[in-house]
């Protein structure tokens, strides 16, 4: 995603994916903009505490120059948590880099959410 596309995304859904492999957890945060078909990700945490301290740049309006920063702890309250094994996490990464499809994202979330 280039800089111009990043300026147009306003996340409407947040997903925290927890990959469990080898007795260790790996956390990734995904933002999805359903209206514009955009998505962003932040990855690389081994502990949930480190993820919650991360500040995420969030846009209020499409195309605005200013971006506010929110701590992930505030976003985590409304995020959907997905606990995935290695195979399901690879499927999520593959879905993330394919052309955006609302139906495939909703199907993946419905299959893997803990409701």
C-alpha atoms as a PDB file:
ATOM      1  CA  UNK A   1       0.000   0.000   0.000  1.00  0.00           C
ATOM      2  CA  UNK A   2       1.518   3.323  -1.005  1.00  0.00           C
ATOM      3  CA  UNK A   3       1.429   6.595   0.956  1.00  0.00           C
ATOM      4  CA  UNK A   4      -1.584   7.974  -0.911  1.00  0.00           C
ATOM      5  CA  UNK A   5      -3.611   4.830  -0.257  1.00  0.00           C
ATOM      6  CA  UNK A   6      -2.681   4.891   3.431  1.00  0.00           C
ATOM      7  CA  UNK A   7      -4.095   8.419   3.681  1.00  0.00           C
ATOM      8  CA  UNK A   8      -7.473   7.195   2.473  1.00  0.00           C
ATOM      9  CA  UNK A   9      -7.949   4.296   4.891  1.00  0.00           C
ATOM     10  CA  UNK A  10     -10.139   4.721   7.969  1.00  0.00           C
ATOM     11  CA  UNK A  11     -10.225   1.435   9.929  1.00  0.00           C
ATOM     12  CA  UNK A  12     -13.696   0.239  10.850  1.00  0.00           C
ATOM     13  CA  UNK A  13     -12.773  -3.221  12.181  1.00  0.00           C
ATOM     14  CA  UNK A  14      -9.812  -4.382  14.222  1.00  0.00           C
ATOM     15  CA  UNK A  15      -8.533  -7.943  14.458  1.00  0.00           C
ATOM     16  CA  UNK A  16      -5.929  -9.203  16.905  1.00  0.00           C
ATOM     17  CA  UNK A  17      -4.533 -12.508  15.677  1.00  0.00           C
ATOM     18  CA  UNK A  18      -2.763 -14.764  18.142  1.00  0.00           C
ATOM     19  CA  UNK A  19      -0.643 -17.457  16.504  1.00  0.00           C
ATOM     20  CA  UNK A  20       0.239 -20.312  18.809  1.00  0.00           C
ATOM     21  CA  UNK A  21       3.266 -22.320  17.749  1.00  0.00           C
ATOM     22  CA  UNK A  22       5.813 -24.207  19.789  1.00  0.00           C
ATOM     23  CA  UNK A  23       4.271 -23.165  23.092  1.00  0.00           C
ATOM     24  CA  UNK A  24       4.804 -19.471  22.308  1.00  0.00           C
ATOM     25  CA  UNK A  25       2.301 -16.843  21.268  1.00  0.00           C
ATOM     26  CA  UNK A  26       2.842 -14.354  18.450  1.00  0.00           C
ATOM     27  CA  UNK A  27       0.567 -11.293  18.191  1.00  0.00           C
ATOM     28  CA  UNK A  28      -0.437  -9.306  15.112  1.00  0.00           C
ATOM     29  CA  UNK A  29      -2.896  -6.435  14.751  1.00  0.00           C
ATOM     30  CA  UNK A  30      -4.949  -5.947  11.589  1.00  0.00           C
ATOM     31  CA  UNK A  31      -7.089  -2.948  10.608  1.00  0.00           C
ATOM     32  CA  UNK A  32      -9.804  -3.369   7.983  1.00  0.00           C
ATOM     33  CA  UNK A  33     -11.655  -0.580   6.187  1.00  0.00           C
ATOM     34  CA  UNK A  34     -14.746  -2.286   4.756  1.00  0.00           C
ATOM     35  CA  UNK A  35     -15.973   0.769   2.844  1.00  0.00           C
ATOM     36  CA  UNK A  36     -12.763   1.471   0.915  1.00  0.00           C
ATOM     37  CA  UNK A  37     -11.407  -2.081   0.801  1.00  0.00           C
ATOM     38  CA  UNK A  38      -8.228  -1.203   2.656  1.00  0.00           C
ATOM     39  CA  UNK A  39      -6.276  -3.071   5.273  1.00  0.00           C
ATOM     40  CA  UNK A  40      -3.135  -2.497   7.305  1.00  0.00           C
ATOM     41  CA  UNK A  41      -1.198  -4.689   9.693  1.00  0.00           C
ATOM     42  CA  UNK A  42       1.302  -4.404  12.494  1.00  0.00           C
ATOM     43  CA  UNK A  43       3.131  -7.575  13.523  1.00  0.00           C
ATOM     44  CA  UNK A  44       5.937  -8.812  15.687  1.00  0.00           C
ATOM     45  CA  UNK A  45       4.934  -8.990  19.345  1.00  0.00           C
ATOM     46  CA  UNK A  46       5.678 -11.930  21.600  1.00  0.00           C
ATOM     47  CA  UNK A  47       3.802 -10.479  24.564  1.00  0.00           C
ATOM     48  CA  UNK A  48       0.337  -8.929  24.738  1.00  0.00           C
ATOM     49  CA  UNK A  49       1.619  -6.180  27.059  1.00  0.00           C
ATOM     50  CA  UNK A  50       4.013  -4.942  24.369  1.00  0.00           C
ATOM     51  CA  UNK A  51       1.221  -4.864  21.788  1.00  0.00           C
ATOM     52  CA  UNK A  52      -1.065  -2.871  24.084  1.00  0.00           C
ATOM     53  CA  UNK A  53       1.595  -0.169  24.561  1.00  0.00           C
ATOM     54  CA  UNK A  54       2.051   0.354  20.820  1.00  0.00           C
ATOM     55  CA  UNK A  55       0.603   3.616  19.437  1.00  0.00           C
ATOM     56  CA  UNK A  56      -1.274   3.235  16.157  1.00  0.00           C
ATOM     57  CA  UNK A  57      -1.717   6.114  13.704  1.00  0.00           C
ATOM     58  CA  UNK A  58      -5.439   6.434  12.919  1.00  0.00           C
ATOM     59  CA  UNK A  59      -7.133   8.762  10.429  1.00  0.00           C
ATOM     60  CA  UNK A  60     -10.358  10.544  11.295  1.00  0.00           C
ATOM     61  CA  UNK A  61     -11.344  11.559   7.741  1.00  0.00           C
ATOM     62  CA  UNK A  62     -10.331  10.192   4.351  1.00  0.00           C
ATOM     63  CA  UNK A  63      -7.610  12.244   2.732  1.00  0.00           C
ATOM     64  CA  UNK A  64      -6.878  14.357   5.785  1.00  0.00           C
ATOM     65  CA  UNK A  65      -3.293  15.373   6.454  1.00  0.00           C
ATOM     66  CA  UNK A  66      -3.430  14.881  10.181  1.00  0.00           C
ATOM     67  CA  UNK A  67      -3.441  11.506  11.825  1.00  0.00           C
ATOM     68  CA  UNK A  68      -4.072  10.920  15.480  1.00  0.00           C
ATOM     69  CA  UNK A  69      -2.318   8.241  17.453  1.00  0.00           C
ATOM     70  CA  UNK A  70      -4.206   5.809  19.677  1.00  0.00           C
ATOM     71  CA  UNK A  71      -2.737   3.241  22.033  1.00  0.00           C
ATOM     72  CA  UNK A  72      -3.525  -0.310  21.019  1.00  0.00           C
ATOM     73  CA  UNK A  73      -5.011  -0.855  24.485  1.00  0.00           C
ATOM     74  CA  UNK A  74      -7.909   1.428  23.533  1.00  0.00           C
ATOM     75  CA  UNK A  75      -8.427  -0.385  20.245  1.00  0.00           C
ATOM     76  CA  UNK A  76      -8.126  -3.819  21.889  1.00  0.00           C
ATOM     77  CA  UNK A  77     -11.432  -3.257  23.702  1.00  0.00           C
ATOM     78  CA  UNK A  78     -13.349  -3.372  20.430  1.00  0.00           C
ATOM     79  CA  UNK A  79     -11.074  -5.749  18.499  1.00  0.00           C
ATOM     80  CA  UNK A  80     -11.975  -9.240  17.425  1.00  0.00           C
ATOM     81  CA  UNK A  81      -9.560 -11.870  18.767  1.00  0.00           C
ATOM     82  CA  UNK A  82      -8.595 -14.811  16.578  1.00  0.00           C
ATOM     83  CA  UNK A  83      -6.596 -17.687  18.100  1.00  0.00           C
ATOM     84  CA  UNK A  84      -4.949 -19.440  15.159  1.00  0.00           C
ATOM     85  CA  UNK A  85      -2.591 -22.309  14.543  1.00  0.00           C
ATOM     86  CA  UNK A  86       0.213 -22.053  11.963  1.00  0.00           C
ATOM     87  CA  UNK A  87      -1.929 -23.208   9.028  1.00  0.00           C
ATOM     88  CA  UNK A  88      -4.789 -20.790   9.771  1.00  0.00           C
ATOM     89  CA  UNK A  89      -2.330 -17.940  10.343  1.00  0.00           C
ATOM     90  CA  UNK A  90      -0.755 -18.609   6.943  1.00  0.00           C
ATOM     91  CA  UNK A  91      -4.256 -18.526   5.422  1.00  0.00           C
ATOM     92  CA  UNK A  92      -4.831 -15.138   7.104  1.00  0.00           C
ATOM     93  CA  UNK A  93      -1.590 -13.753   5.682  1.00  0.00           C
ATOM     94  CA  UNK A  94      -2.489 -15.041   2.229  1.00  0.00           C
ATOM     95  CA  UNK A  95      -5.944 -13.434   2.513  1.00  0.00           C
ATOM     96  CA  UNK A  96      -4.335 -10.169   3.611  1.00  0.00           C
ATOM     97  CA  UNK A  97      -2.190  -9.889   0.480  1.00  0.00           C
ATOM     98  CA  UNK A  98      -4.867 -10.914  -2.035  1.00  0.00           C
ATOM     99  CA  UNK A  99      -7.186  -8.367  -3.690  1.00  0.00           C
ATOM    100  CA  UNK A 100      -9.776  -7.270  -1.139  1.00  0.00           C
ATOM    101  CA  UNK A 101     -12.957  -9.337  -0.993  1.00  0.00           C
ATOM    102  CA  UNK A 102     -15.530  -8.661   1.727  1.00  0.00           C
ATOM    103  CA  UNK A 103     -17.069 -12.105   1.418  1.00  0.00           C
ATOM    104  CA  UNK A 104     -13.790 -13.980   1.845  1.00  0.00           C
ATOM    105  CA  UNK A 105     -12.799 -11.834   4.842  1.00  0.00           C
ATOM    106  CA  UNK A 106     -16.187 -12.301   6.522  1.00  0.00           C
ATOM    107  CA  UNK A 107     -16.080 -16.039   5.883  1.00  0.00           C
ATOM    108  CA  UNK A 108     -12.583 -16.317   7.377  1.00  0.00           C
ATOM    109  CA  UNK A 109     -13.556 -14.273  10.444  1.00  0.00           C
ATOM    110  CA  UNK A 110     -16.763 -16.264  10.951  1.00  0.00           C
ATOM    111  CA  UNK A 111     -14.890 -19.579  10.740  1.00  0.00           C
ATOM    112  CA  UNK A 112     -12.150 -18.564  13.191  1.00  0.00           C
ATOM    113  CA  UNK A 113     -13.815 -16.309  15.751  1.00  0.00           C
ATOM    114  CA  UNK A 114     -14.576 -17.541  19.255  1.00  0.00           C
ATOM    115  CA  UNK A 115     -18.237 -16.713  19.749  1.00  0.00           C
END
